[in-house]
C-alpha atoms as a PDB file:
ATOM      1  CA  MET A   1      -0.169  -0.214   0.142  1.00  0.00           C
ATOM      2  CA  THR A   2       1.641   3.509  -0.694  1.00  0.00           C
ATOM      3  CA  GLU A   3       1.302   6.056   1.223  1.00  0.00           C
ATOM      4  CA  GLU A   4      -0.253   9.300   0.941  1.00  0.00           C
ATOM      5  CA  SER A   5       1.996  12.595   0.663  1.00  0.00           C
ATOM      6  CA  PRO A   6       2.664  14.824   3.482  1.00  0.00           C
ATOM      7  CA  GLN A   7       0.969  17.422   1.130  1.00  0.00           C
ATOM      8  CA  ASN A   8      -2.704  14.716  -0.278  1.00  0.00           C
ATOM      9  CA  MET A   9      -2.847  13.914   3.493  1.00  0.00           C
ATOM     10  CA  CYS A  10      -2.835  18.345   4.346  1.00  0.00           C
ATOM     11  CA  VAL A  11      -5.771  18.493   1.534  1.00  0.00           C
ATOM     12  CA  HIS A  12      -7.224  15.536   2.261  1.00  0.00           C
ATOM     13  CA  SER A  13      -7.379  16.435   6.545  1.00  0.00           C
ATOM     14  CA  THR A  14      -8.392  20.127   5.685  1.00  0.00           C
ATOM     15  CA  PHE A  15     -11.130  19.785   3.654  1.00  0.00           C
ATOM     16  CA  LEU A  16     -12.611  16.863   6.216  1.00  0.00           C
ATOM     17  CA  SER A  17     -12.607  19.087   8.767  1.00  0.00           C
ATOM     18  CA  LEU A  18     -14.870  20.950   6.503  1.00  0.00           C
ATOM     19  CA  PRO A  19     -18.255  21.663   8.296  1.00  0.00           C
ATOM     20  CA  VAL A  20     -20.803  18.759   6.541  1.00  0.00           C
ATOM     21  CA  ASP A  21     -23.276  21.544   5.202  1.00  0.00           C
ATOM     22  CA  ALA A  22     -19.924  23.667   3.439  1.00  0.00           C
ATOM     23  CA  ILE A  23     -19.207  19.733   2.142  1.00  0.00           C
ATOM     24  CA  SER A  24     -22.360  19.389   1.184  1.00  0.00           C
ATOM     25  CA  GLU A  25     -22.370  23.021  -0.682  1.00  0.00           C
ATOM     26  CA  VAL A  26     -18.950  22.137  -2.426  1.00  0.00           C
ATOM     27  CA  CYS A  27     -20.999  19.002  -3.732  1.00  0.00           C
ATOM     28  CA  LEU A  28     -23.522  20.793  -5.977  1.00  0.00           C
ATOM     29  CA  TYR A  29     -20.947  22.464  -7.307  1.00  0.00           C
ATOM     30  CA  LEU A  30     -19.351  19.264  -8.827  1.00  0.00           C
ATOM     31  CA  SER A  31     -21.233  16.859 -11.375  1.00  0.00           C
ATOM     32  CA  PRO A  32     -23.022  13.736 -10.131  1.00  0.00           C
ATOM     33  CA  ASN A  33     -20.401  11.377 -11.510  1.00  0.00           C
ATOM     34  CA  ASP A  34     -16.904  13.640  -9.742  1.00  0.00           C
ATOM     35  CA  ALA A  35     -19.499  13.325  -6.440  1.00  0.00           C
ATOM     36  CA  ILE A  36     -18.965   9.409  -6.978  1.00  0.00           C
ATOM     37  CA  ILE A  37     -15.539   9.798  -7.152  1.00  0.00           C
ATOM     38  CA  LEU A  38     -14.703  11.973  -5.011  1.00  0.00           C
ATOM     39  CA  SER A  39     -16.832   9.551  -2.787  1.00  0.00           C
ATOM     40  CA  ARG A  40     -14.113   6.830  -4.231  1.00  0.00           C
ATOM     41  CA  THR A  41     -10.913   8.941  -2.411  1.00  0.00           C
ATOM     42  CA  CYS A  42     -11.473   7.191   1.582  1.00  0.00           C
ATOM     43  CA  SER A  43     -14.193   5.287   3.522  1.00  0.00           C
ATOM     44  CA  VAL A  44     -14.830   8.720   5.243  1.00  0.00           C
ATOM     45  CA  LEU A  45     -15.959  10.665   2.507  1.00  0.00           C
ATOM     46  CA  HIS A  46     -17.538   7.690   0.605  1.00  0.00           C
ATOM     47  CA  LEU A  47     -19.706   7.334   3.767  1.00  0.00           C
ATOM     48  CA  LEU A  48     -19.919  11.279   3.847  1.00  0.00           C
ATOM     49  CA  ILE A  49     -20.967  11.765   0.419  1.00  0.00           C
ATOM     50  CA  ASN A  50     -23.589   8.886  -0.238  1.00  0.00           C
ATOM     51  CA  THR A  51     -25.206   9.554   2.717  1.00  0.00           C
ATOM     52  CA  LEU A  52     -25.720  13.833   1.638  1.00  0.00           C
ATOM     53  CA  HIS A  53     -29.110  13.163   0.744  1.00  0.00           C
ATOM     54  CA  ASN A  54     -29.497  16.978   0.193  1.00  0.00           C
ATOM     55  CA  VAL A  55     -27.399  16.671  -2.220  1.00  0.00           C
ATOM     56  CA  TRP A  56     -28.360  13.218  -4.069  1.00  0.00           C
ATOM     57  CA  LYS A  57     -31.650  15.087  -3.982  1.00  0.00           C
ATOM     58  CA  VAL A  58     -30.453  17.091  -6.186  1.00  0.00           C
ATOM     59  CA  TYR A  59     -28.321  15.146  -8.919  1.00  0.00           C
ATOM     60  CA  CYS A  60     -31.329  13.046  -9.083  1.00  0.00           C
ATOM     61  CA  ARG A  61     -34.304  16.585  -9.682  1.00  0.00           C
ATOM     62  CA  ARG A  62     -30.802  17.562 -12.305  1.00  0.00           C
ATOM     63  CA  VAL A  63     -30.046  15.079 -13.600  1.00  0.00           C
ATOM     64  CA  TRP A  64     -33.283  12.665 -13.816  1.00  0.00           C
ATOM     65  CA  PHE A  65     -36.009  15.861 -13.588  1.00  0.00           C
ATOM     66  CA  LEU A  66     -37.542  13.913 -10.497  1.00  0.00           C
ATOM     67  CA  THR A  67     -40.241  16.304  -9.103  1.00  0.00           C
ATOM     68  CA  GLY A  68     -41.685  13.693  -6.455  1.00  0.00           C
ATOM     69  CA  PRO A  69     -40.833  11.458  -3.208  1.00  0.00           C
ATOM     70  CA  CYS A  70     -37.875   9.462  -3.317  1.00  0.00           C
ATOM     71  CA  SER A  71     -39.088   5.457  -3.834  1.00  0.00           C
ATOM     72  CA  ALA A  72     -35.812   4.121  -2.525  1.00  0.00           C
ATOM     73  CA  ASP A  73     -34.259   3.930   0.861  1.00  0.00           C
ATOM     74  CA  SER A  74     -31.837   6.669  -0.023  1.00  0.00           C
ATOM     75  CA  TRP A  75     -32.099   9.786  -2.947  1.00  0.00           C
ATOM     76  CA  TYR A  76     -27.879   8.376  -3.224  1.00  0.00           C
ATOM     77  CA  LEU A  77     -30.406   4.812  -3.948  1.00  0.00           C
ATOM     78  CA  GLU A  78     -32.371   6.592  -5.993  1.00  0.00           C
ATOM     79  CA  PHE A  79     -29.566   7.706  -8.482  1.00  0.00           C
ATOM     80  CA  LEU A  80     -27.899   4.484  -8.806  1.00  0.00           C
ATOM     81  CA  ASN A  81     -31.289   3.171  -9.883  1.00  0.00           C
ATOM     82  CA  TYR A  82     -32.102   5.349 -12.423  1.00  0.00           C
ATOM     83  CA  MET A  83     -28.390   5.352 -13.611  1.00  0.00           C
ATOM     84  CA  SER A  84     -29.116   1.200 -13.645  1.00  0.00           C
ATOM     85  CA  GLU A  85     -31.385   2.001 -15.846  1.00  0.00           C
ATOM     86  CA  TRP A  86     -32.005   5.277 -17.989  1.00  0.00           C
ATOM     87  CA  GLY A  87     -27.419   6.134 -17.617  1.00  0.00           C
ATOM     88  CA  GLU A  88     -26.897   5.916 -21.500  1.00  0.00           C
ATOM     89  CA  TYR A  89     -29.861   8.694 -21.559  1.00  0.00           C
ATOM     90  CA  LYS A  90     -28.325  10.898 -19.214  1.00  0.00           C
ATOM     91  CA  ASP A  91     -26.956  13.769 -21.401  1.00  0.00           C
ATOM     92  CA  CYS A  92     -30.384  14.003 -22.905  1.00  0.00           C
ATOM     93  CA  TYR A  93     -33.377  12.188 -20.423  1.00  0.00           C
ATOM     94  CA  THR A  94     -34.230  15.021 -19.224  1.00  0.00           C
ATOM     95  CA  ASP A  95     -35.346  16.741 -22.053  1.00  0.00           C
ATOM     96  CA  VAL A  96     -37.453  14.072 -22.956  1.00  0.00           C
ATOM     97  CA  LYS A  97     -38.946  13.669 -19.884  1.00  0.00           C
ATOM     98  CA  LYS A  98     -40.079  17.596 -20.034  1.00  0.00           C
ATOM     99  CA  SER A  99     -41.476  16.407 -23.105  1.00  0.00           C
ATOM    100  CA  TRP A 100     -43.715  13.762 -22.553  1.00  0.00           C
ATOM    101  CA  ASP A 101     -44.809  15.181 -18.900  1.00  0.00           C
ATOM    102  CA  LEU A 102     -45.975  18.606 -21.360  1.00  0.00           C
ATOM    103  CA  ILE A 103     -47.781  16.099 -23.968  1.00  0.00           C
ATOM    104  CA  TYR A 104     -49.553  13.966 -21.052  1.00  0.00           C
ATOM    105  CA  GLN A 105     -50.416  17.438 -19.190  1.00  0.00           C
ATOM    106  CA  LYS A 106     -51.788  18.963 -22.433  1.00  0.00           C
ATOM    107  CA  LEU A 107     -53.740  15.805 -23.294  1.00  0.00           C
ATOM    108  CA  ARG A 108     -54.988  15.995 -19.817  1.00  0.00           C
ATOM    109  CA  LEU A 109     -55.950  19.227 -20.164  1.00  0.00           C
ATOM    110  CA  SER A 110     -58.178  17.654 -23.107  1.00  0.00           C
ATOM    111  CA  ASN A 111     -59.610  15.042 -20.851  1.00  0.00           C
ATOM    112  CA  LYS A 112     -57.359  12.884 -22.783  1.00  0.00           C
ATOM    113  CA  ASN A 113     -55.663   9.337 -20.652  1.00  0.00           C
ATOM    114  CA  PRO A 114     -52.019   9.300 -22.414  1.00  0.00           C
ATOM    115  CA  ASP A 115     -52.265   5.205 -21.604  1.00  0.00           C
ATOM    116  CA  LEU A 116     -54.518   4.856 -23.949  1.00  0.00           C
ATOM    117  CA  ILE A 117     -52.683   6.744 -27.224  1.00  0.00           C
ATOM    118  CA  PHE A 118     -49.471   5.711 -26.817  1.00  0.00           C
ATOM    119  CA  HIS A 119     -48.298   2.309 -27.059  1.00  0.00           C
ATOM    120  CA  PRO A 120     -45.364   1.519 -23.835  1.00  0.00           C
ATOM    121  CA  ALA A 121     -42.289   2.018 -24.085  1.00  0.00           C
ATOM    122  CA  ALA A 122     -40.495  -0.404 -26.233  1.00  0.00           C
ATOM    123  CA  SER A 123     -37.673  -2.698 -24.185  1.00  0.00           C
ATOM    124  CA  GLU A 124     -34.053  -1.903 -24.520  1.00  0.00           C
ATOM    125  CA  ALA A 125     -33.506  -5.365 -26.033  1.00  0.00           C
ATOM    126  CA  LEU A 126     -36.582  -3.980 -28.979  1.00  0.00           C
ATOM    127  CA  LEU A 127     -34.810  -1.485 -29.289  1.00  0.00           C
ATOM    128  CA  SER A 128     -31.508  -3.278 -30.283  1.00  0.00           C
ATOM    129  CA  GLU A 129     -33.240  -5.676 -32.135  1.00  0.00           C
ATOM    130  CA  THR A 130     -34.250  -3.292 -34.397  1.00  0.00           C
ATOM    131  CA  GLU A 131     -30.994  -1.352 -34.329  1.00  0.00           C
ATOM    132  CA  GLU A 132     -29.752  -5.050 -35.742  1.00  0.00           C
ATOM    133  CA  ARG A 133     -32.279  -5.311 -37.914  1.00  0.00           C
ATOM    134  CA  LEU A 134     -31.725  -1.534 -40.009  1.00  0.00           C
ATOM    135  CA  LYS A 135     -27.878  -2.606 -39.336  1.00  0.00           C
ATOM    136  CA  SER A 136     -27.816   1.124 -37.961  1.00  0.00           C
ATOM    137  CA  LYS A 137     -27.480   2.568 -34.143  1.00  0.00           C
ATOM    138  CA  LEU A 138     -30.462   5.190 -34.007  1.00  0.00           C
ATOM    139  CA  PRO A 139     -30.222   8.112 -32.116  1.00  0.00           C
ATOM    140  CA  THR A 140     -30.016   8.217 -28.691  1.00  0.00           C
ATOM    141  CA  SER A 141     -32.318  10.939 -28.162  1.00  0.00           C
ATOM    142  CA  TYR A 142     -34.456   8.916 -29.879  1.00  0.00           C
ATOM    143  CA  ARG A 143     -33.759   5.977 -27.865  1.00  0.00           C
ATOM    144  CA  CYS A 144     -35.051   7.430 -24.963  1.00  0.00           C
ATOM    145  CA  PHE A 145     -37.774   8.385 -25.784  1.00  0.00           C
ATOM    146  CA  LEU A 146     -38.921   4.714 -27.513  1.00  0.00           C
ATOM    147  CA  ARG A 147     -38.096   4.099 -23.988  1.00  0.00           C
ATOM    148  CA  PHE A 148     -41.149   6.073 -22.910  1.00  0.00           C
ATOM    149  CA  HIS A 149     -44.036   5.548 -25.030  1.00  0.00           C
ATOM    150  CA  ASN A 150     -43.124   3.558 -27.970  1.00  0.00           C
ATOM    151  CA  GLY A 151     -45.161   4.953 -30.822  1.00  0.00           C
ATOM    152  CA  GLN A 152     -49.497   6.405 -30.813  1.00  0.00           C
ATOM    153  CA  ILE A 153     -51.887   3.891 -30.795  1.00  0.00           C
ATOM    154  CA  GLU A 154     -53.890   3.555 -34.017  1.00  0.00           C
ATOM    155  CA  THR A 155     -57.960   4.801 -33.315  1.00  0.00           C
ATOM    156  CA  GLU A 156     -60.341   6.814 -34.519  1.00  0.00           C
ATOM    157  CA  ASN A 157     -59.954  10.570 -34.171  1.00  0.00           C
ATOM    158  CA  CYS A 158     -57.571  10.204 -32.234  1.00  0.00           C
ATOM    159  CA  SER A 159     -55.081  12.732 -33.712  1.00  0.00           C
ATOM    160  CA  LEU A 160     -52.553  14.626 -31.708  1.00  0.00           C
ATOM    161  CA  PHE A 161     -52.298  18.833 -31.413  1.00  0.00           C
ATOM    162  CA  GLY A 162     -54.422  18.468 -35.283  1.00  0.00           C
ATOM    163  CA  THR A 163     -51.578  16.884 -36.930  1.00  0.00           C
ATOM    164  CA  GLU A 164     -52.567  13.976 -38.727  1.00  0.00           C
ATOM    165  CA  LEU A 165     -52.384  10.952 -38.198  1.00  0.00           C
ATOM    166  CA  HIS A 166     -48.840   8.427 -39.006  1.00  0.00           C
ATOM    167  CA  PHE A 167     -48.441   5.733 -36.628  1.00  0.00           C
ATOM    168  CA  TYR A 168     -44.786   4.478 -36.321  1.00  0.00           C
ATOM    169  CA  HIS A 169     -44.065   2.269 -33.212  1.00  0.00           C
ATOM    170  CA  ILE A 170     -41.471  -1.083 -33.713  1.00  0.00           C
ATOM    171  CA  THR A 171     -42.418  -4.009 -33.326  1.00  0.00           C
ATOM    172  CA  ASP A 172     -40.683  -7.263 -32.834  1.00  0.00           C
ATOM    173  CA  ARG A 173     -42.126  -9.025 -36.606  1.00  0.00           C
ATOM    174  CA  GLY A 174     -40.543  -5.651 -37.997  1.00  0.00           C
ATOM    175  CA  CYS A 175     -39.288  -2.207 -37.898  1.00  0.00           C
ATOM    176  CA  PHE A 176     -41.729   1.369 -38.039  1.00  0.00           C
ATOM    177  CA  VAL A 177     -44.554  -0.785 -38.355  1.00  0.00           C
ATOM    178  CA  LEU A 178     -47.484   1.772 -40.095  1.00  0.00           C
ATOM    179  CA  PRO A 179     -50.806   0.073 -40.424  1.00  0.00           C
ATOM    180  CA  ALA A 180     -52.079  -0.662 -43.829  1.00  0.00           C
ATOM    181  CA  ARG A 181     -54.876   1.402 -44.148  1.00  0.00           C
ATOM    182  CA  ASP A 182     -57.166   2.511 -47.498  1.00  0.00           C
ATOM    183  CA  LEU A 183     -55.742   6.137 -48.232  1.00  0.00           C
ATOM    184  CA  GLY A 184     -57.449   5.978 -51.900  1.00  0.00           C
ATOM    185  CA  SER A 185     -56.103   6.563 -55.013  1.00  0.00           C
END
C-alpha cells in the first residue's frame, strides 16, 4: 500500500474538517459522476458523500427530473437506480422527460388518457434488435423517447394536436410499422 504524501494528507484532512453543510455545498458544484469519484478516494468521504441526501436529491432532480418523493431507501440509491436503468440516456433524459410531461399535461387538459393513446415503452432488447435489423444505430435521444412510449396507438380521431395521423412504432416483427390503410387513390 502506498503512503499519501504529506501535502495530500494536509489537503485531505483540511477538507474533512469542514462542516458537513460546507462539504454539501462543494458537492453541489460537482457533477454526480465527480461526486462518486470523490467518494471513492477514502472510506470517510465514501460514507459522507453517500449520505448527503440533500445533494443526491438535487442530482436526482437535475439529471433525472424527479419531482416526487424518493422511492428508494435514500436519494443516493434512487440516483443509482435511475443510472442503471437510464444511464445511457443521461445527456438527453431530462429534455425527453420534460417533453413527455408536457404532452401528458396537454392531453389531460383535453380529458384524454395518455395510456390509451401511446404504446407502452420499448425495451432495450427491442431497440437493440431493431438496430441490428436496420444495421444502424438509432439516435440516443430517439431511443430515450421510445423508452417512454413506443409510438401512438392507432385509433379513430385520435390525432395529437390536430396533426395528420401517422402511426409508427417498433414491433418484434418489423421496424417502424405503418399499419396498412386505404388512403384513397
